[in-house]
PDB file of all heavy atoms in Angstrom:
ATOM      1  N   GLY A   1      -2.939   9.719 -36.964  1.00  0.00           N
ATOM      2  CA  GLY A   1      -2.392  10.197 -35.647  1.00  0.00           C
ATOM      3  C   GLY A   1      -1.557   9.013 -34.947  1.00  0.00           C
ATOM      4  O   GLY A   1      -0.555   9.347 -34.337  1.00  0.00           O
ATOM      5  N   GLN A   2      -1.992   7.734 -35.125  1.00  0.00           N
ATOM      6  CA  GLN A   2      -1.143   6.700 -34.612  1.00  0.00           C
ATOM      7  C   GLN A   2       0.213   6.596 -35.237  1.00  0.00           C
ATOM      8  O   GLN A   2       1.208   6.389 -34.620  1.00  0.00           O
ATOM      9  CB  GLN A   2      -1.909   5.342 -34.625  1.00  0.00           C
ATOM     10  CG  GLN A   2      -1.172   4.244 -34.225  1.00  0.00           C
ATOM     11  CD  GLN A   2      -1.975   2.955 -34.060  1.00  0.00           C
ATOM     12  OE1 GLN A   2      -2.495   2.605 -33.078  1.00  0.00           O
ATOM     13  NE2 GLN A   2      -2.027   2.186 -35.139  1.00  0.00           N
ATOM     14  N   LEU A   3       0.193   6.757 -36.538  1.00  0.00           N
ATOM     15  CA  LEU A   3       1.452   6.736 -37.232  1.00  0.00           C
ATOM     16  C   LEU A   3       2.414   7.789 -36.806  1.00  0.00           C
ATOM     17  O   LEU A   3       3.641   7.584 -36.609  1.00  0.00           O
ATOM     18  CB  LEU A   3       1.217   6.816 -38.737  1.00  0.00           C
ATOM     19  CG  LEU A   3       2.488   6.675 -39.694  1.00  0.00           C
ATOM     20  CD1 LEU A   3       3.374   5.469 -39.302  1.00  0.00           C
ATOM     21  CD2 LEU A   3       1.988   6.512 -41.124  1.00  0.00           C
ATOM     22  N   LEU A   4       1.886   8.983 -36.674  1.00  0.00           N
ATOM     23  CA  LEU A   4       2.653  10.108 -36.206  1.00  0.00           C
ATOM     24  C   LEU A   4       3.190   9.869 -34.746  1.00  0.00           C
ATOM     25  O   LEU A   4       4.337  10.245 -34.496  1.00  0.00           O
ATOM     26  CB  LEU A   4       1.938  11.493 -36.273  1.00  0.00           C
ATOM     27  CG  LEU A   4       1.481  11.935 -37.687  1.00  0.00           C
ATOM     28  CD1 LEU A   4       0.524  13.050 -37.629  1.00  0.00           C
ATOM     29  CD2 LEU A   4       2.755  12.282 -38.496  1.00  0.00           C
ATOM     30  N   ALA A   5       2.350   9.283 -33.895  1.00  0.00           N
ATOM     31  CA  ALA A   5       2.756   8.855 -32.601  1.00  0.00           C
ATOM     32  C   ALA A   5       3.921   7.842 -32.588  1.00  0.00           C
ATOM     33  O   ALA A   5       4.855   7.965 -31.860  1.00  0.00           O
ATOM     34  CB  ALA A   5       1.596   8.435 -31.747  1.00  0.00           C
ATOM     35  N   ASP A   6       3.826   6.839 -33.530  1.00  0.00           N
ATOM     36  CA  ASP A   6       4.801   5.860 -33.553  1.00  0.00           C
ATOM     37  C   ASP A   6       6.127   6.559 -34.064  1.00  0.00           C
ATOM     38  O   ASP A   6       7.229   6.051 -33.736  1.00  0.00           O
ATOM     39  CB  ASP A   6       4.466   4.837 -34.669  1.00  0.00           C
ATOM     40  CG  ASP A   6       3.476   3.784 -34.085  1.00  0.00           C
ATOM     41  OD1 ASP A   6       3.285   3.644 -32.921  1.00  0.00           O
ATOM     42  OD2 ASP A   6       2.787   3.005 -34.952  1.00  0.00           O
ATOM     43  N   LEU A   7       6.043   7.573 -34.804  1.00  0.00           N
ATOM     44  CA  LEU A   7       7.211   8.228 -35.287  1.00  0.00           C
ATOM     45  C   LEU A   7       7.856   9.188 -34.240  1.00  0.00           C
ATOM     46  O   LEU A   7       8.782   9.872 -34.608  1.00  0.00           O
ATOM     47  CB  LEU A   7       6.943   9.004 -36.629  1.00  0.00           C
ATOM     48  CG  LEU A   7       6.649   8.011 -37.786  1.00  0.00           C
ATOM     49  CD1 LEU A   7       6.170   8.946 -38.987  1.00  0.00           C
ATOM     50  CD2 LEU A   7       7.772   7.135 -38.206  1.00  0.00           C
ATOM     51  N   GLY A   8       7.255   9.286 -33.094  1.00  0.00           N
ATOM     52  CA  GLY A   8       7.907  10.022 -32.061  1.00  0.00           C
ATOM     53  C   GLY A   8       7.098  11.284 -31.652  1.00  0.00           C
ATOM     54  O   GLY A   8       7.499  11.927 -30.699  1.00  0.00           O
ATOM     55  N   ALA A   9       6.021  11.742 -32.363  1.00  0.00           N
ATOM     56  CA  ALA A   9       5.337  12.999 -31.983  1.00  0.00           C
ATOM     57  C   ALA A   9       4.518  12.804 -30.736  1.00  0.00           C
ATOM     58  O   ALA A   9       4.036  11.614 -30.439  1.00  0.00           O
ATOM     59  CB  ALA A   9       4.428  13.324 -33.119  1.00  0.00           C
ATOM     60  N   GLN A  10       4.266  13.881 -29.948  1.00  0.00           N
ATOM     61  CA  GLN A  10       3.340  13.812 -28.892  1.00  0.00           C
ATOM     62  C   GLN A  10       2.004  14.148 -29.496  1.00  0.00           C
ATOM     63  O   GLN A  10       1.706  15.084 -30.060  1.00  0.00           O
ATOM     64  CB  GLN A  10       3.665  14.894 -27.855  1.00  0.00           C
ATOM     65  CG  GLN A  10       2.673  14.904 -26.699  1.00  0.00           C
ATOM     66  CD  GLN A  10       2.789  16.107 -25.750  1.00  0.00           C
ATOM     67  OE1 GLN A  10       3.653  16.994 -26.057  1.00  0.00           O
ATOM     68  NE2 GLN A  10       2.101  16.193 -24.681  1.00  0.00           N
ATOM     69  N   VAL A  11       1.126  13.072 -29.465  1.00  0.00           N
ATOM     70  CA  VAL A  11      -0.206  13.194 -30.024  1.00  0.00           C
ATOM     71  C   VAL A  11      -1.241  13.231 -28.930  1.00  0.00           C
ATOM     72  O   VAL A  11      -1.419  12.335 -28.103  1.00  0.00           O
ATOM     73  CB  VAL A  11      -0.481  11.967 -30.927  1.00  0.00           C
ATOM     74  CG1 VAL A  11      -1.928  12.117 -31.606  1.00  0.00           C
ATOM     75  CG2 VAL A  11       0.539  11.904 -32.083  1.00  0.00           C
ATOM     76  N   ILE A  12      -1.933  14.342 -28.916  1.00  0.00           N
ATOM     77  CA  ILE A  12      -3.076  14.557 -27.867  1.00  0.00           C
ATOM     78  C   ILE A  12      -4.429  14.395 -28.643  1.00  0.00           C
ATOM     79  O   ILE A  12      -4.675  15.081 -29.520  1.00  0.00           O
ATOM     80  CB  ILE A  12      -2.975  16.005 -27.295  1.00  0.00           C
ATOM     81  CG1 ILE A  12      -1.662  16.133 -26.569  1.00  0.00           C
ATOM     82  CG2 ILE A  12      -4.183  16.138 -26.351  1.00  0.00           C
ATOM     83  CD1 ILE A  12      -1.451  17.567 -26.048  1.00  0.00           C
ATOM     84  N   LYS A  13      -5.054  13.329 -28.150  1.00  0.00           N
ATOM     85  CA  LYS A  13      -6.368  12.918 -28.811  1.00  0.00           C
ATOM     86  C   LYS A  13      -7.476  13.692 -28.015  1.00  0.00           C
ATOM     87  O   LYS A  13      -7.674  13.458 -26.850  1.00  0.00           O
ATOM     88  CB  LYS A  13      -6.559  11.406 -28.683  1.00  0.00           C
ATOM     89  CG  LYS A  13      -7.762  10.835 -29.429  1.00  0.00           C
ATOM     90  CD  LYS A  13      -7.863   9.375 -29.293  1.00  0.00           C
ATOM     91  CE  LYS A  13      -9.142   8.777 -29.929  1.00  0.00           C
ATOM     92  NZ  LYS A  13      -9.128   9.061 -31.399  1.00  0.00           N
ATOM     93  N   ILE A  14      -8.190  14.576 -28.754  1.00  0.00           N
ATOM     94  CA  ILE A  14      -9.224  15.410 -28.187  1.00  0.00           C
ATOM     95  C   ILE A  14     -10.595  14.487 -28.327  1.00  0.00           C
ATOM     96  O   ILE A  14     -10.883  14.272 -29.456  1.00  0.00           O
ATOM     97  CB  ILE A  14      -9.339  16.792 -28.928  1.00  0.00           C
ATOM     98  CG1 ILE A  14      -7.991  17.462 -28.920  1.00  0.00           C
ATOM     99  CG2 ILE A  14     -10.442  17.555 -28.264  1.00  0.00           C
ATOM    100  CD1 ILE A  14      -7.489  17.796 -27.578  1.00  0.00           C
ATOM    101  N   GLU A  15     -11.159  14.211 -27.209  1.00  0.00           N
ATOM    102  CA  GLU A  15     -12.373  13.505 -27.299  1.00  0.00           C
ATOM    103  C   GLU A  15     -13.498  14.091 -26.417  1.00  0.00           C
ATOM    104  O   GLU A  15     -13.204  14.779 -25.460  1.00  0.00           O
ATOM    105  CB  GLU A  15     -12.076  12.079 -26.687  1.00  0.00           C
ATOM    106  CG  GLU A  15     -11.003  11.287 -27.382  1.00  0.00           C
ATOM    107  CD  GLU A  15     -10.905   9.857 -26.932  1.00  0.00           C
ATOM    108  OE1 GLU A  15     -11.785   9.086 -27.328  1.00  0.00           O
ATOM    109  OE2 GLU A  15      -9.987   9.529 -26.141  1.00  0.00           O
ATOM    110  N   HIS A  16     -14.724  13.740 -26.779  1.00  0.00           N
ATOM    111  CA  HIS A  16     -15.839  14.206 -26.011  1.00  0.00           C
ATOM    112  C   HIS A  16     -15.857  13.566 -24.566  1.00  0.00           C
ATOM    113  O   HIS A  16     -15.425  12.321 -24.507  1.00  0.00           O
ATOM    114  CB  HIS A  16     -17.149  13.848 -26.750  1.00  0.00           C
ATOM    115  CG  HIS A  16     -18.424  14.481 -26.099  1.00  0.00           C
ATOM    116  ND1 HIS A  16     -19.055  13.897 -25.023  1.00  0.00           N
ATOM    117  CD2 HIS A  16     -19.063  15.593 -26.471  1.00  0.00           C
ATOM    118  CE1 HIS A  16     -20.040  14.656 -24.697  1.00  0.00           C
ATOM    119  NE2 HIS A  16     -20.063  15.689 -25.548  1.00  0.00           N
ATOM    120  N   PRO A  17     -16.038  14.290 -23.531  1.00  0.00           N
ATOM    121  CA  PRO A  17     -15.948  13.697 -22.191  1.00  0.00           C
ATOM    122  C   PRO A  17     -16.788  12.549 -21.883  1.00  0.00           C
ATOM    123  O   PRO A  17     -16.444  11.655 -21.065  1.00  0.00           O
ATOM    124  CB  PRO A  17     -16.306  14.957 -21.280  1.00  0.00           C
ATOM    125  CG  PRO A  17     -16.100  16.209 -22.074  1.00  0.00           C
ATOM    126  CD  PRO A  17     -16.396  15.699 -23.523  1.00  0.00           C
ATOM    127  N   GLN A  18     -18.006  12.374 -22.562  1.00  0.00           N
ATOM    128  CA  GLN A  18     -18.841  11.334 -22.264  1.00  0.00           C
ATOM    129  C   GLN A  18     -18.739  10.205 -23.360  1.00  0.00           C
ATOM    130  O   GLN A  18     -18.509   9.045 -22.995  1.00  0.00           O
ATOM    131  CB  GLN A  18     -20.276  11.681 -22.160  1.00  0.00           C
ATOM    132  CG  GLN A  18     -20.675  12.370 -20.923  1.00  0.00           C
ATOM    133  CD  GLN A  18     -20.101  13.760 -20.763  1.00  0.00           C
ATOM    134  OE1 GLN A  18     -20.316  14.563 -21.590  1.00  0.00           O
ATOM    135  NE2 GLN A  18     -19.516  14.026 -19.589  1.00  0.00           N
ATOM    136  N   ARG A  19     -18.738  10.556 -24.662  1.00  0.00           N
ATOM    137  CA  ARG A  19     -18.749   9.556 -25.631  1.00  0.00           C
ATOM    138  C   ARG A  19     -17.358   9.025 -26.127  1.00  0.00           C
ATOM    139  O   ARG A  19     -17.223   7.872 -26.391  1.00  0.00           O
ATOM    140  CB  ARG A  19     -19.569  10.063 -26.946  1.00  0.00           C
ATOM    141  CG  ARG A  19     -20.959  10.494 -26.549  1.00  0.00           C
ATOM    142  CD  ARG A  19     -21.620  10.806 -27.890  1.00  0.00           C
ATOM    143  NE  ARG A  19     -21.037  11.940 -28.630  1.00  0.00           N
ATOM    144  CZ  ARG A  19     -21.264  13.319 -28.398  1.00  0.00           C
ATOM    145  NH1 ARG A  19     -22.239  13.556 -27.444  1.00  0.00           N
ATOM    146  NH2 ARG A  19     -20.738  14.256 -29.079  1.00  0.00           N
ATOM    147  N   GLY A  20     -16.516   9.939 -26.077  1.00  0.00           N
ATOM    148  CA  GLY A  20     -15.132   9.656 -26.639  1.00  0.00           C
ATOM    149  C   GLY A  20     -15.240   9.331 -28.119  1.00  0.00           C
ATOM    150  O   GLY A  20     -16.186   9.595 -28.852  1.00  0.00           O
ATOM    151  N   ASP A  21     -14.206   8.715 -28.654  1.00  0.00           N
ATOM    152  CA  ASP A  21     -14.149   8.229 -30.016  1.00  0.00           C
ATOM    153  C   ASP A  21     -15.268   7.240 -30.249  1.00  0.00           C
ATOM    154  O   ASP A  21     -15.519   6.314 -29.428  1.00  0.00           O
ATOM    155  CB  ASP A  21     -12.789   7.605 -30.252  1.00  0.00           C
ATOM    156  CG  ASP A  21     -12.578   7.356 -31.756  1.00  0.00           C
ATOM    157  OD1 ASP A  21     -13.415   6.710 -32.475  1.00  0.00           O
ATOM    158  OD2 ASP A  21     -11.409   7.683 -32.283  1.00  0.00           O
ATOM    159  N   ASP A  22     -15.962   7.356 -31.367  1.00  0.00           N
ATOM    160  CA  ASP A  22     -17.113   6.469 -31.674  1.00  0.00           C
ATOM    161  C   ASP A  22     -16.673   5.002 -31.518  1.00  0.00           C
ATOM    162  O   ASP A  22     -17.479   4.135 -31.107  1.00  0.00           O
ATOM    163  CB  ASP A  22     -17.622   6.684 -33.120  1.00  0.00           C
ATOM    164  CG  ASP A  22     -18.173   8.118 -33.294  1.00  0.00           C
ATOM    165  OD1 ASP A  22     -18.350   8.851 -32.310  1.00  0.00           O
ATOM    166  OD2 ASP A  22     -18.514   8.403 -34.423  1.00  0.00           O
ATOM    167  N   THR A  23     -15.417   4.680 -32.000  1.00  0.00           N
ATOM    168  CA  THR A  23     -15.012   3.243 -31.983  1.00  0.00           C
ATOM    169  C   THR A  23     -14.777   2.707 -30.667  1.00  0.00           C
ATOM    170  O   THR A  23     -14.657   1.477 -30.561  1.00  0.00           O
ATOM    171  CB  THR A  23     -13.823   3.074 -32.903  1.00  0.00           C
ATOM    172  OG1 THR A  23     -12.663   3.876 -32.285  1.00  0.00           O
ATOM    173  CG2 THR A  23     -13.973   3.476 -34.261  1.00  0.00           C
ATOM    174  N   ARG A  24     -14.739   3.430 -29.667  1.00  0.00           N
ATOM    175  CA  ARG A  24     -14.626   2.801 -28.323  1.00  0.00           C
ATOM    176  C   ARG A  24     -15.791   1.857 -27.993  1.00  0.00           C
ATOM    177  O   ARG A  24     -15.665   0.865 -27.252  1.00  0.00           O
ATOM    178  CB  ARG A  24     -14.607   3.951 -27.169  1.00  0.00           C
ATOM    179  CG  ARG A  24     -13.302   4.731 -27.121  1.00  0.00           C
ATOM    180  CD  ARG A  24     -13.327   5.751 -25.938  1.00  0.00           C
ATOM    181  NE  ARG A  24     -12.099   6.458 -25.935  1.00  0.00           N
ATOM    182  CZ  ARG A  24     -10.894   6.182 -25.273  1.00  0.00           C
ATOM    183  NH1 ARG A  24     -10.980   4.980 -24.605  1.00  0.00           N
ATOM    184  NH2 ARG A  24      -9.915   6.972 -25.260  1.00  0.00           N
ATOM    185  N   SER A  25     -16.954   2.210 -28.626  1.00  0.00           N
ATOM    186  CA  SER A  25     -18.081   1.301 -28.461  1.00  0.00           C
ATOM    187  C   SER A  25     -18.393   0.385 -29.610  1.00  0.00           C
ATOM    188  O   SER A  25     -19.462  -0.226 -29.681  1.00  0.00           O
ATOM    189  CB  SER A  25     -19.366   2.178 -28.190  1.00  0.00           C
ATOM    190  OG  SER A  25     -19.604   3.043 -29.284  1.00  0.00           O
TER     191      SER A  25
END
C-alpha cells in the first residue's frame, strides 16, 4: 500500500477504531 501511495494512488487505510494497525503498538 505504501508503494502504491508513493506512486501517486490515493490509499485509504481501513483500521479498527480502537486498535488500529497492530504495528502502531
